[in-house]
Amino acid sequence: MLDEALTPPPDRGRVFRSGRRVRLSDADPTGRLRLDACARYLQDIGNDDTADCGIDDARTTWVVRRAVIDVHRPPRWREWLDLGTWCAGLGGRWAERRLSMVGQRGGRVEVATLWIHVDVATGAPVRLPPAFHEIYGEAAGGRRVSSRLWLGDPPVGAAAERWTLRAVDIDLLGHVNNAAYWAAIEEQVEPGTAFAHRLLGRPHRAVMEYGPGIAPGDAVELLVDEADDHLTVWFTVRNAVQASATIVPLLVDDPPTP
């Protein structure tokens, strides 16, 4: 699964376009666009897309199940990015959103996220409405996506360390926002220091899978498995895995731009 290529842009159907500049708060000490910033960009353009097409229903929301970030060449501070997003696959109660970020200085990041459609009041998954299929179905091209997770359990003896939650990590759904998890991964790769992970110096794929969610006040322990060719982290609460992430070299071909 970790070497699965991301879907190319559709020949037909809706592609929502926007743009933004890499700001100071998005960049690490070396000027590189951080992974948590990539996750925020995806959230923002996804919200803009659904609002633009008129199906932004306050009774339902989307909860991310999996995020795949392919960093072909990291965008840099002050670089302008052209963004394009589209639906790349459908399930009964979930959908895959793709995001392509192409920078004017050669930066390139491709993102795929699997989102579960849930009822705000109950938190239960609900079926995609007919309007969603009408608007996004053509771009999906009949592709079906699975919500099955890719990453396994932590190995025995993985190094453990505490991750302290901040008030700003909690979103309006009452749990840690999906972008905040990536901040913990940024702390592990240690950009801008003598200990920065060598994966950051070459194209790499970062995958995050989300479970039940981490609530305010939870005591979170990270289990870390690190080597030259990978970094894998499990977020645990009371010994139960709540999310997991890995960074590995990027081996798939570069998809065309939308």
C-alpha atoms as a PDB file:
ATOM      1  CA  MET A   1       0.000   0.000   0.000  1.00  0.00           C
ATOM      2  CA  LEU A   2       2.786   2.439   0.829  1.00  0.00           C
ATOM      3  CA  ASP A   3       4.009   2.417  -2.780  1.00  0.00           C
ATOM      4  CA  GLU A   4       0.556   2.954  -4.310  1.00  0.00           C
ATOM      5  CA  ALA A   5       0.600   5.787  -6.872  1.00  0.00           C
ATOM      6  CA  LEU A   6      -1.771   8.697  -6.358  1.00  0.00           C
ATOM      7  CA  THR A   7      -4.483   9.161  -8.943  1.00  0.00           C
ATOM      8  CA  PRO A   8      -3.771  11.607 -11.790  1.00  0.00           C
ATOM      9  CA  PRO A   9      -6.073  14.589 -12.422  1.00  0.00           C
ATOM     10  CA  PRO A  10      -9.366  13.779 -14.135  1.00  0.00           C
ATOM     11  CA  ASP A  11      -9.991  14.269 -17.834  1.00  0.00           C
ATOM     12  CA  ARG A  12     -13.502  15.448 -17.002  1.00  0.00           C
ATOM     13  CA  GLY A  13     -15.351  16.724 -13.978  1.00  0.00           C
ATOM     14  CA  ARG A  14     -14.921  19.335 -11.304  1.00  0.00           C
ATOM     15  CA  VAL A  15     -11.447  20.611 -10.369  1.00  0.00           C
ATOM     16  CA  PHE A  16     -11.515  23.512  -7.925  1.00  0.00           C
ATOM     17  CA  ARG A  17      -8.554  25.884  -8.208  1.00  0.00           C
ATOM     18  CA  SER A  18      -7.039  28.361  -5.827  1.00  0.00           C
ATOM     19  CA  GLY A  19      -3.632  29.651  -4.799  1.00  0.00           C
ATOM     20  CA  ARG A  20      -1.650  30.861  -1.828  1.00  0.00           C
ATOM     21  CA  ARG A  21       1.822  31.888  -0.800  1.00  0.00           C
ATOM     22  CA  VAL A  22       3.928  29.961   1.724  1.00  0.00           C
ATOM     23  CA  ARG A  23       3.783  32.231   4.766  1.00  0.00           C
ATOM     24  CA  LEU A  24       6.142  32.526   7.715  1.00  0.00           C
ATOM     25  CA  SER A  25       3.901  30.422   9.967  1.00  0.00           C
ATOM     26  CA  ASP A  26       3.886  27.616   7.347  1.00  0.00           C
ATOM     27  CA  ALA A  27       7.664  27.206   7.073  1.00  0.00           C
ATOM     28  CA  ASP A  28      10.253  25.430   9.227  1.00  0.00           C
ATOM     29  CA  PRO A  29      13.606  27.033  10.231  1.00  0.00           C
ATOM     30  CA  THR A  30      15.079  26.098   6.818  1.00  0.00           C
ATOM     31  CA  GLY A  31      12.194  27.715   4.899  1.00  0.00           C
ATOM     32  CA  ARG A  32      10.600  24.381   3.917  1.00  0.00           C
ATOM     33  CA  LEU A  33       6.783  24.063   3.842  1.00  0.00           C
ATOM     34  CA  ARG A  34       5.927  21.893   6.856  1.00  0.00           C
ATOM     35  CA  LEU A  35       3.690  18.817   6.781  1.00  0.00           C
ATOM     36  CA  ASP A  36       1.156  20.328   9.187  1.00  0.00           C
ATOM     37  CA  ALA A  37       0.859  23.321   6.843  1.00  0.00           C
ATOM     38  CA  CYS A  38       0.149  20.951   3.936  1.00  0.00           C
ATOM     39  CA  ALA A  39      -2.683  19.439   5.982  1.00  0.00           C
ATOM     40  CA  ARG A  40      -4.125  22.890   6.720  1.00  0.00           C
ATOM     41  CA  TYR A  41      -3.967  23.871   3.048  1.00  0.00           C
ATOM     42  CA  LEU A  42      -5.958  20.745   2.193  1.00  0.00           C
ATOM     43  CA  GLN A  43      -8.582  21.489   4.852  1.00  0.00           C
ATOM     44  CA  ASP A  44      -8.937  25.097   3.714  1.00  0.00           C
ATOM     45  CA  ILE A  45      -9.283  24.459  -0.016  1.00  0.00           C
ATOM     46  CA  GLY A  46     -11.626  21.533   0.659  1.00  0.00           C
ATOM     47  CA  ASN A  47     -13.903  23.786   2.716  1.00  0.00           C
ATOM     48  CA  ASP A  48     -13.736  26.462   0.031  1.00  0.00           C
ATOM     49  CA  ASP A  49     -14.639  23.903  -2.633  1.00  0.00           C
ATOM     50  CA  THR A  50     -17.723  22.556  -0.850  1.00  0.00           C
ATOM     51  CA  ALA A  51     -18.883  26.085  -0.003  1.00  0.00           C
ATOM     52  CA  ASP A  52     -18.410  27.164  -3.625  1.00  0.00           C
ATOM     53  CA  CYS A  53     -20.509  24.315  -4.998  1.00  0.00           C
ATOM     54  CA  GLY A  54     -23.320  24.876  -2.483  1.00  0.00           C
ATOM     55  CA  ILE A  55     -23.307  21.624  -0.477  1.00  0.00           C
ATOM     56  CA  ASP A  56     -21.769  22.967   2.744  1.00  0.00           C
ATOM     57  CA  ASP A  57     -24.341  21.420   5.117  1.00  0.00           C
ATOM     58  CA  ALA A  58     -23.948  22.367   8.815  1.00  0.00           C
ATOM     59  CA  ARG A  59     -25.650  19.094   9.867  1.00  0.00           C
ATOM     60  CA  THR A  60     -22.776  16.966   8.572  1.00  0.00           C
ATOM     61  CA  THR A  61     -19.022  17.226   8.518  1.00  0.00           C
ATOM     62  CA  TRP A  62     -15.976  15.300   7.326  1.00  0.00           C
ATOM     63  CA  VAL A  63     -13.477  13.417   9.486  1.00  0.00           C
ATOM     64  CA  VAL A  64     -10.180  12.397   7.947  1.00  0.00           C
ATOM     65  CA  ARG A  65      -9.305   8.696   8.016  1.00  0.00           C
ATOM     66  CA  ARG A  66      -6.034   8.718   6.066  1.00  0.00           C
ATOM     67  CA  ALA A  67      -3.744  11.367   4.583  1.00  0.00           C
ATOM     68  CA  VAL A  68      -0.952  10.703   2.083  1.00  0.00           C
ATOM     69  CA  ILE A  69       1.486  13.548   1.382  1.00  0.00           C
ATOM     70  CA  ASP A  70       3.990  13.056  -1.461  1.00  0.00           C
ATOM     71  CA  VAL A  71       6.719  15.680  -1.272  1.00  0.00           C
ATOM     72  CA  HIS A  72       8.454  15.667  -4.658  1.00  0.00           C
ATOM     73  CA  ARG A  73      10.215  18.950  -3.930  1.00  0.00           C
ATOM     74  CA  PRO A  74       9.286  20.976  -0.848  1.00  0.00           C
ATOM     75  CA  PRO A  75       7.911  24.443  -1.535  1.00  0.00           C
ATOM     76  CA  ARG A  76       9.820  27.243   0.173  1.00  0.00           C
ATOM     77  CA  TRP A  77       8.970  30.334   2.172  1.00  0.00           C
ATOM     78  CA  ARG A  78       7.285  33.045   0.053  1.00  0.00           C
ATOM     79  CA  GLU A  79       6.831  30.676  -2.921  1.00  0.00           C
ATOM     80  CA  TRP A  80       3.486  31.056  -4.684  1.00  0.00           C
ATOM     81  CA  LEU A  81       1.551  27.795  -5.014  1.00  0.00           C
ATOM     82  CA  ASP A  82      -1.124  26.986  -7.587  1.00  0.00           C
ATOM     83  CA  LEU A  83      -3.612  24.616  -5.963  1.00  0.00           C
ATOM     84  CA  GLY A  84      -6.047  22.228  -7.588  1.00  0.00           C
ATOM     85  CA  THR A  85      -8.374  19.817  -5.787  1.00  0.00           C
ATOM     86  CA  TRP A  86     -10.827  17.177  -6.984  1.00  0.00           C
ATOM     87  CA  CYS A  87     -12.628  14.022  -5.902  1.00  0.00           C
ATOM     88  CA  ALA A  88     -10.555  10.961  -6.799  1.00  0.00           C
ATOM     89  CA  GLY A  89     -12.802   8.165  -5.539  1.00  0.00           C
ATOM     90  CA  LEU A  90     -15.981   7.303  -3.684  1.00  0.00           C
ATOM     91  CA  GLY A  91     -17.330   4.883  -1.106  1.00  0.00           C
ATOM     92  CA  GLY A  92     -20.738   4.601   0.494  1.00  0.00           C
ATOM     93  CA  ARG A  93     -19.914   6.974   3.362  1.00  0.00           C
ATOM     94  CA  TRP A  94     -16.528   8.343   2.396  1.00  0.00           C
ATOM     95  CA  ALA A  95     -14.646   9.964  -0.435  1.00  0.00           C
ATOM     96  CA  GLU A  96     -11.051  10.626  -1.459  1.00  0.00           C
ATOM     97  CA  ARG A  97      -9.971  14.214  -2.039  1.00  0.00           C
ATOM     98  CA  ARG A  98      -6.833  14.928  -4.045  1.00  0.00           C
ATOM     99  CA  LEU A  99      -4.818  18.128  -3.839  1.00  0.00           C
ATOM    100  CA  SER A 100      -2.013  19.179  -6.178  1.00  0.00           C
ATOM    101  CA  MET A 101       0.316  21.992  -5.094  1.00  0.00           C
ATOM    102  CA  VAL A 102       2.699  23.340  -7.739  1.00  0.00           C
ATOM    103  CA  GLY A 103       5.064  26.159  -6.858  1.00  0.00           C
ATOM    104  CA  GLN A 104       6.429  28.874  -9.119  1.00  0.00           C
ATOM    105  CA  ARG A 105       9.961  27.989  -7.969  1.00  0.00           C
ATOM    106  CA  GLY A 106       9.655  24.262  -8.577  1.00  0.00           C
ATOM    107  CA  GLY A 107       8.013  23.123  -5.346  1.00  0.00           C
ATOM    108  CA  ARG A 108       5.680  20.169  -5.778  1.00  0.00           C
ATOM    109  CA  VAL A 109       3.469  18.338  -3.286  1.00  0.00           C
ATOM    110  CA  GLU A 110       0.667  15.863  -4.055  1.00  0.00           C
ATOM    111  CA  VAL A 111      -1.872  14.965  -1.362  1.00  0.00           C
ATOM    112  CA  ALA A 112      -4.616  12.348  -1.112  1.00  0.00           C
ATOM    113  CA  THR A 113      -6.976  12.203   1.840  1.00  0.00           C
ATOM    114  CA  LEU A 114      -9.755   9.787   2.687  1.00  0.00           C
ATOM    115  CA  TRP A 115     -12.618  11.555   4.469  1.00  0.00           C
ATOM    116  CA  ILE A 116     -15.539   9.951   6.304  1.00  0.00           C
ATOM    117  CA  HIS A 117     -18.885  11.761   6.007  1.00  0.00           C
ATOM    118  CA  VAL A 118     -20.379  11.988   9.515  1.00  0.00           C
ATOM    119  CA  ASP A 119     -23.441  13.382  11.261  1.00  0.00           C
ATOM    120  CA  VAL A 120     -22.443  16.288  13.539  1.00  0.00           C
ATOM    121  CA  ALA A 121     -25.035  15.429  16.211  1.00  0.00           C
ATOM    122  CA  THR A 122     -24.257  11.710  16.516  1.00  0.00           C
ATOM    123  CA  GLY A 123     -20.731  11.368  15.117  1.00  0.00           C
ATOM    124  CA  ALA A 124     -21.913   8.384  13.054  1.00  0.00           C
ATOM    125  CA  PRO A 125     -20.948   7.935   9.382  1.00  0.00           C
ATOM    126  CA  VAL A 126     -23.740   8.825   6.954  1.00  0.00           C
ATOM    127  CA  ARG A 127     -24.166   8.123   3.270  1.00  0.00           C
ATOM    128  CA  LEU A 128     -23.006  10.639   0.705  1.00  0.00           C
ATOM    129  CA  PRO A 129     -25.992  12.683  -0.505  1.00  0.00           C
ATOM    130  CA  PRO A 130     -27.109  12.516  -4.152  1.00  0.00           C
ATOM    131  CA  ALA A 131     -25.901  16.109  -4.665  1.00  0.00           C
ATOM    132  CA  PHE A 132     -22.355  15.031  -3.818  1.00  0.00           C
ATOM    133  CA  HIS A 133     -22.418  12.364  -6.511  1.00  0.00           C
ATOM    134  CA  GLU A 134     -23.871  14.822  -9.001  1.00  0.00           C
ATOM    135  CA  ILE A 135     -21.122  17.385  -8.384  1.00  0.00           C
ATOM    136  CA  TYR A 136     -18.074  15.182  -7.806  1.00  0.00           C
ATOM    137  CA  GLY A 137     -18.955  11.825  -9.338  1.00  0.00           C
ATOM    138  CA  GLU A 138     -17.720  12.643 -12.842  1.00  0.00           C
ATOM    139  CA  ALA A 139     -14.212  13.545 -11.614  1.00  0.00           C
ATOM    140  CA  ALA A 140     -14.102  10.331  -9.535  1.00  0.00           C
ATOM    141  CA  GLY A 141     -14.656   8.383 -12.753  1.00  0.00           C
ATOM    142  CA  GLY A 142     -16.243   5.393 -11.047  1.00  0.00           C
ATOM    143  CA  ARG A 143     -13.175   4.705  -8.878  1.00  0.00           C
ATOM    144  CA  ARG A 144     -14.057   3.044  -5.578  1.00  0.00           C
ATOM    145  CA  VAL A 145     -11.913   3.586  -2.496  1.00  0.00           C
ATOM    146  CA  SER A 146     -11.596   1.511   0.669  1.00  0.00           C
ATOM    147  CA  SER A 147     -11.391   2.811   4.235  1.00  0.00           C
ATOM    148  CA  ARG A 148      -9.056  -0.042   5.204  1.00  0.00           C
ATOM    149  CA  LEU A 149      -5.971   1.118   7.081  1.00  0.00           C
ATOM    150  CA  TRP A 150      -2.456   0.644   5.700  1.00  0.00           C
ATOM    151  CA  LEU A 151      -0.176   0.842   8.752  1.00  0.00           C
ATOM    152  CA  GLY A 152       0.430  -1.904  11.291  1.00  0.00           C
ATOM    153  CA  ASP A 153       0.866  -2.050  15.058  1.00  0.00           C
ATOM    154  CA  PRO A 154       3.945  -0.734  16.859  1.00  0.00           C
ATOM    155  CA  PRO A 155       6.833  -3.168  17.352  1.00  0.00           C
ATOM    156  CA  VAL A 156       7.777  -4.389  20.803  1.00  0.00           C
ATOM    157  CA  GLY A 157      10.411  -2.128  22.292  1.00  0.00           C
ATOM    158  CA  ALA A 158       9.585   1.018  20.308  1.00  0.00           C
ATOM    159  CA  ALA A 159      10.942   4.123  22.016  1.00  0.00           C
ATOM    160  CA  ALA A 160       8.292   5.986  24.024  1.00  0.00           C
ATOM    161  CA  GLU A 161       7.962   9.682  24.795  1.00  0.00           C
ATOM    162  CA  ARG A 162       5.255  12.044  26.037  1.00  0.00           C
ATOM    163  CA  TRP A 163       3.416  14.407  23.663  1.00  0.00           C
ATOM    164  CA  THR A 164       1.829  17.308  25.514  1.00  0.00           C
ATOM    165  CA  LEU A 165      -1.391  18.655  24.021  1.00  0.00           C
ATOM    166  CA  ARG A 166      -1.993  22.390  23.661  1.00  0.00           C
ATOM    167  CA  ALA A 167      -5.308  24.229  23.706  1.00  0.00           C
ATOM    168  CA  VAL A 168      -4.775  25.245  20.051  1.00  0.00           C
ATOM    169  CA  ASP A 169      -4.565  21.556  19.022  1.00  0.00           C
ATOM    170  CA  ILE A 170      -8.283  21.027  19.762  1.00  0.00           C
ATOM    171  CA  ASP A 171     -10.858  21.858  17.102  1.00  0.00           C
ATOM    172  CA  LEU A 172     -14.614  22.511  17.243  1.00  0.00           C
ATOM    173  CA  LEU A 173     -15.377  18.777  17.164  1.00  0.00           C
ATOM    174  CA  GLY A 174     -13.718  18.451  20.578  1.00  0.00           C
ATOM    175  CA  HIS A 175     -10.664  16.444  19.574  1.00  0.00           C
ATOM    176  CA  VAL A 176      -7.170  17.004  18.211  1.00  0.00           C
ATOM    177  CA  ASN A 177      -7.375  18.507  14.727  1.00  0.00           C
ATOM    178  CA  ASN A 178      -5.869  16.325  11.999  1.00  0.00           C
ATOM    179  CA  ALA A 179      -3.234  18.951  11.109  1.00  0.00           C
ATOM    180  CA  ALA A 180      -2.000  19.099  14.727  1.00  0.00           C
ATOM    181  CA  TYR A 181      -0.877  15.459  14.595  1.00  0.00           C
ATOM    182  CA  TRP A 182       1.592  16.450  11.868  1.00  0.00           C
ATOM    183  CA  ALA A 183       3.170  18.973  14.263  1.00  0.00           C
ATOM    184  CA  ALA A 184       4.277  16.022  16.400  1.00  0.00           C
ATOM    185  CA  ILE A 185       5.887  14.437  13.335  1.00  0.00           C
ATOM    186  CA  GLU A 186       7.690  17.706  12.565  1.00  0.00           C
ATOM    187  CA  GLU A 187       9.149  17.581  16.068  1.00  0.00           C
ATOM    188  CA  GLN A 188      10.451  14.075  15.351  1.00  0.00           C
ATOM    189  CA  VAL A 189      12.207  14.941  12.073  1.00  0.00           C
ATOM    190  CA  GLU A 190      13.844  17.984  13.764  1.00  0.00           C
ATOM    191  CA  PRO A 191      14.243  20.291  10.759  1.00  0.00           C
ATOM    192  CA  GLY A 192      16.875  23.009  11.006  1.00  0.00           C
ATOM    193  CA  THR A 193      19.000  21.076  13.506  1.00  0.00           C
ATOM    194  CA  ALA A 194      22.045  18.847  13.275  1.00  0.00           C
ATOM    195  CA  PHE A 195      19.702  15.900  13.927  1.00  0.00           C
ATOM    196  CA  ALA A 196      17.314  16.534  11.008  1.00  0.00           C
ATOM    197  CA  HIS A 197      16.194  13.261   9.465  1.00  0.00           C
ATOM    198  CA  ARG A 198      17.879  12.541   6.141  1.00  0.00           C
ATOM    199  CA  LEU A 199      14.505  11.672   4.552  1.00  0.00           C
ATOM    200  CA  LEU A 200      13.788  15.413   4.356  1.00  0.00           C
ATOM    201  CA  GLY A 201      16.636  15.838   1.876  1.00  0.00           C
ATOM    202  CA  ARG A 202      15.018  13.686  -0.831  1.00  0.00           C
ATOM    203  CA  PRO A 203      11.515  13.053  -2.195  1.00  0.00           C
ATOM    204  CA  HIS A 204       9.458  11.366   0.500  1.00  0.00           C
ATOM    205  CA  ARG A 205       5.982  10.081   1.248  1.00  0.00           C
ATOM    206  CA  ALA A 206       4.308  10.821   4.578  1.00  0.00           C
ATOM    207  CA  VAL A 207       1.210   8.854   5.613  1.00  0.00           C
ATOM    208  CA  MET A 208      -1.035   9.522   8.611  1.00  0.00           C
ATOM    209  CA  GLU A 209      -3.924   7.268   9.650  1.00  0.00           C
ATOM    210  CA  TYR A 210      -6.446   8.440  12.207  1.00  0.00           C
ATOM    211  CA  GLY A 211      -8.434   6.368  14.680  1.00  0.00           C
ATOM    212  CA  PRO A 212     -11.000   7.273  17.338  1.00  0.00           C
ATOM    213  CA  GLY A 213      -9.459  10.669  18.059  1.00  0.00           C
ATOM    214  CA  ILE A 214      -7.568  12.248  20.947  1.00  0.00           C
ATOM    215  CA  ALA A 215      -9.598  14.340  23.391  1.00  0.00           C
ATOM    216  CA  PRO A 216      -8.563  17.305  25.562  1.00  0.00           C
ATOM    217  CA  GLY A 217      -6.841  16.091  28.710  1.00  0.00           C
ATOM    218  CA  ASP A 218      -5.699  12.765  27.238  1.00  0.00           C
ATOM    219  CA  ALA A 219      -2.197  11.696  28.242  1.00  0.00           C
ATOM    220  CA  VAL A 220      -0.612  10.949  24.864  1.00  0.00           C
ATOM    221  CA  GLU A 221       2.467   8.771  24.490  1.00  0.00           C
ATOM    222  CA  LEU A 222       4.324   8.479  21.190  1.00  0.00           C
ATOM    223  CA  LEU A 223       5.934   5.184  20.219  1.00  0.00           C
ATOM    224  CA  VAL A 224       8.740   5.800  17.729  1.00  0.00           C
ATOM    225  CA  ASP A 225      10.508   3.454  15.304  1.00  0.00           C
ATOM    226  CA  GLU A 226      13.247   5.283  13.399  1.00  0.00           C
ATOM    227  CA  ALA A 227      15.943   4.328  10.889  1.00  0.00           C
ATOM    228  CA  ASP A 228      17.677   5.978   7.927  1.00  0.00           C
ATOM    229  CA  ASP A 229      14.936   4.847   5.514  1.00  0.00           C
ATOM    230  CA  HIS A 230      11.833   5.439   7.638  1.00  0.00           C
ATOM    231  CA  LEU A 231      10.288   7.176  10.594  1.00  0.00           C
ATOM    232  CA  THR A 232       7.116   5.671  12.067  1.00  0.00           C
ATOM    233  CA  VAL A 233       5.181   7.066  15.027  1.00  0.00           C
ATOM    234  CA  TRP A 234       2.152   5.711  16.872  1.00  0.00           C
ATOM    235  CA  PHE A 235      -0.017   8.023  18.989  1.00  0.00           C
ATOM    236  CA  THR A 236      -1.287   6.090  22.008  1.00  0.00           C
ATOM    237  CA  VAL A 237      -3.604   6.854  24.915  1.00  0.00           C
ATOM    238  CA  ARG A 238      -3.665   4.338  27.771  1.00  0.00           C
ATOM    239  CA  ASN A 239      -1.745   1.887  25.515  1.00  0.00           C
ATOM    240  CA  ALA A 240      -4.391   2.097  22.760  1.00  0.00           C
ATOM    241  CA  VAL A 241      -3.305   3.374  19.332  1.00  0.00           C
ATOM    242  CA  GLN A 242      -5.255   6.497  18.323  1.00  0.00           C
ATOM    243  CA  ALA A 243      -3.302   7.359  15.149  1.00  0.00           C
ATOM    244  CA  SER A 244      -0.146   6.320  13.334  1.00  0.00           C
ATOM    245  CA  ALA A 245       2.179   7.929  10.821  1.00  0.00           C
ATOM    246  CA  THR A 246       5.178   7.022   8.712  1.00  0.00           C
ATOM    247  CA  ILE A 247       7.644   8.781   6.408  1.00  0.00           C
ATOM    248  CA  VAL A 248       9.430   6.739   3.734  1.00  0.00           C
ATOM    249  CA  PRO A 249      11.313   7.512   0.495  1.00  0.00           C
ATOM    250  CA  LEU A 250       9.014   8.410  -2.391  1.00  0.00           C
ATOM    251  CA  LEU A 251       9.270   5.696  -5.046  1.00  0.00           C
ATOM    252  CA  VAL A 252       6.189   6.370  -7.203  1.00  0.00           C
ATOM    253  CA  ASP A 253       6.187   8.344 -10.452  1.00  0.00           C
ATOM    254  CA  ASP A 254       5.333  12.029 -10.418  1.00  0.00           C
ATOM    255  CA  PRO A 255       1.705  12.418 -11.587  1.00  0.00           C
ATOM    256  CA  PRO A 256       0.828  15.105 -14.146  1.00  0.00           C
ATOM    257  CA  THR A 257      -0.528  18.440 -12.938  1.00  0.00           C
ATOM    258  CA  PRO A 258      -4.236  19.178 -13.161  1.00  0.00           C
END
